[in-house]
């Protein structure tokens, strides 16, 4: 493989991530066989401050991920990898990694360490709920855009057309969609 993409996969395989996965498939198909894909999920963990004699010293350290978080990470990567392979992407073109920490920081760090050519992320869009969440907690995508030293491709999730089911969609094969989750 001459070039590699890094695709951020969230633990829930959100509709934005599913859409980014489909776009990554399209890129892999167009650039076959010269493009590889690294699927990376980051387990977000809280940080604990070190305390010594009642005062805070040193830098915060990440708390270990829970068994549930580890299981969700493995499951999300397995589903993403399986979907790509079912669509015809050779297993040797795919790599899966799990990291622990702040998602944006770990995505940027992995992109640099692995010397990827482009970092690919799904975006949840600009709904009122997303705007409020970004105001309160910040945006992983915006932080990655600020920190990344490689090109970053943001895949905006298209607004769903109302069909009365309220279900997320994921491609079962290129060009077709099936409902998953609720």
Foldseek 3Di string as FASTA:
>chain_A
DQAEEEEEAELVNDLLSLQLLLVVLVVVVVPPPNYAYEYEYEQEFDWDFDDDPRDTDDDTDGDDDDPVSVVSQVVRVVVSLVQSVLQPDDNVRYHYYYHYHDVLVVQQVCCVVVVHQEYEYGDADDDPVVVVCCVVPNDSVVSNVVRHPHHYHYHYRDDDDDPPPPFRWHDSYPPDIDGDDD
